[in-house]
Structure formats: structure tokens, C-alpha cells
């Protein structure tokens, strides 16, 4: 099985794009022509999510290399939501897109093993068979990450460890000093260590790092701490991150980092009411890809 890092590298080169679209379906923000009515049963909302995801995926497939599905939006609608998520993941795969499940799982022992099998394994009825990578919370340390590494390794899959997140309150814990360094640098060291467990032929690792685009000032030190990690950079667009600030996250040749945008792509129709929602999403994804190509000083 081809290593996850190698598949990411190939997709970036093939499309000349490093854009990841975040699929965060919110009933209140869906286009009126496909949204379920307020108070509708879970099955109706799940079906609306699936229609929305299908339309977005087909519109943006040429401009993006991957899609990051936020698990929580689907889980809230129970079994129907889980089934819609699994089908949408398979649809993305069928369009040649790398799939990332944004679940931020964390635990230890047999519980972590169960989470890892569900998200990265081959069990029917779980997201695993159609998921290429999953996000992992590192707060429990190495014990909470290794089960995901062990599931990923034989299947050519990967994971992204939360290192420096884009939310405003992230620094409350992530920036705390420990041994003269902020906690996020200790987490980066763990990512670098575990990266050897999922090597790619391209020189990158399948153990990647979530690093918020809203904190560009730390990108250089984090790249030095994790030279082989693929960075997943959320926060561009609605959260205020700017493509032109992200150059320090990239390796030479525009390698090693992925730029994530969610609301600014999938809900672009809300800023362009005279444009069909699929066309608005396609345009937003293409614009972000062009920004990656032209505005990064690499």
C-alpha cells in the first residue's frame, strides 16, 4: 500500500494545489433548495447533508487535493448521519480526493484501539474503510496516538496531531511554558518522533500536524521542529488566516503543507446570492488554489 505522505505529495503535484476543503454541513447554512425543514427528523437532515456534500465535492474536485469531513456535524444526527458520512467519504474517494476525518479522537489502551479501528480500520459500517487520515488529540501523550499509528501503517493511511490550533483560546494550554519552551513545541517533538513510524518515500511522514493558519508567527519554529511532517493549516478564510502568511510552513517546492478552508468555500453562495451554490463553491476553491500558486513567496 502506498504511504499516505506519498499520496499527498502526488496529489499536490498532479493538481498544482495544496487546498483542502472542510466539509462542515450546518442545517442553518445549507442552500434553501436542499435544506431540511426545521424540526425535520434526523433522516431528512442526513439526506440533505449528503446532497449538499455531493454537489460541493463534484464542484470543487478539480481544485482541491483533499476534503476534511467534520465528524460532529454528522454524528449529531445519529445512525442516519453516520451513514451519510460514510457515503460522502466514499463519494470523495471516488472523485480521486484524499479524505480526512476530523474527529479529534483521544484515549488510551483498548479504548484508543477501538477509536483507531473505527476511524482507520476496515470494519464495515464505520468511517474507516473510506478514510485516509484522522485528526488526533495528543493531550494523553504517546499512548493516545500509537494505536492510530498502528492502524494506519499497514493501510497506507495517516493522522494529523493537534499541535497549535487556530481557535482563540488554544494558547491557554498550548502556549504554557514547560522546561523553557511552550507546550506546543513539546507536542511537535512527539510528532517528529512518531513520524518515523509512518515514513514515505518522498521524505515526508504520515504523522502530520494541525497548525493553525491564524498563528503565522510560529510556523517557522514548528517547521524546524517537525521537518518531515505534513502540516494541515486550518483557519484560512472565515477565521482570518491569509495564504500569503503561510510560506514558512512549506518545504522547498511547495511541499509539506495543506491549506484548509471550510466555510469560505462550501458556503460561498451566502456571499454571492446571485450565483448558484455549486458554482460559488467552485469559484471559491479555484480562487484559493490560485492564491496558493501566485501569492506564496516560496
Foldseek 3Di string as FASTA:
>chain_A
DAAQQVLLVVLCVVLVFQAEAELQDDLVQQPPVLRDDPPDALLSRLVSSLVLLLLQLVLALSQHQAYEYELVNLPVRPLNSLVSLLVSLVSNVVSVHAYEYEDQDWDADPVLLVVLCQCQNDDPSGSNVSHQEYEYEQPVHPRGCVSNLVSNAVVNGAYAYEQAALDPCSCVQQQDDDPNGGNSLVVLLSLQVCQVSRDHPVQAGRYAYEHELNCLVCQQVSCVSRVRHQYEYEQPDPNDGDLQSNQSNADPPRDRYHYYDYCCQQSQCVVVVVDDNSNSNSVSSNVVRVCNVPRHPD
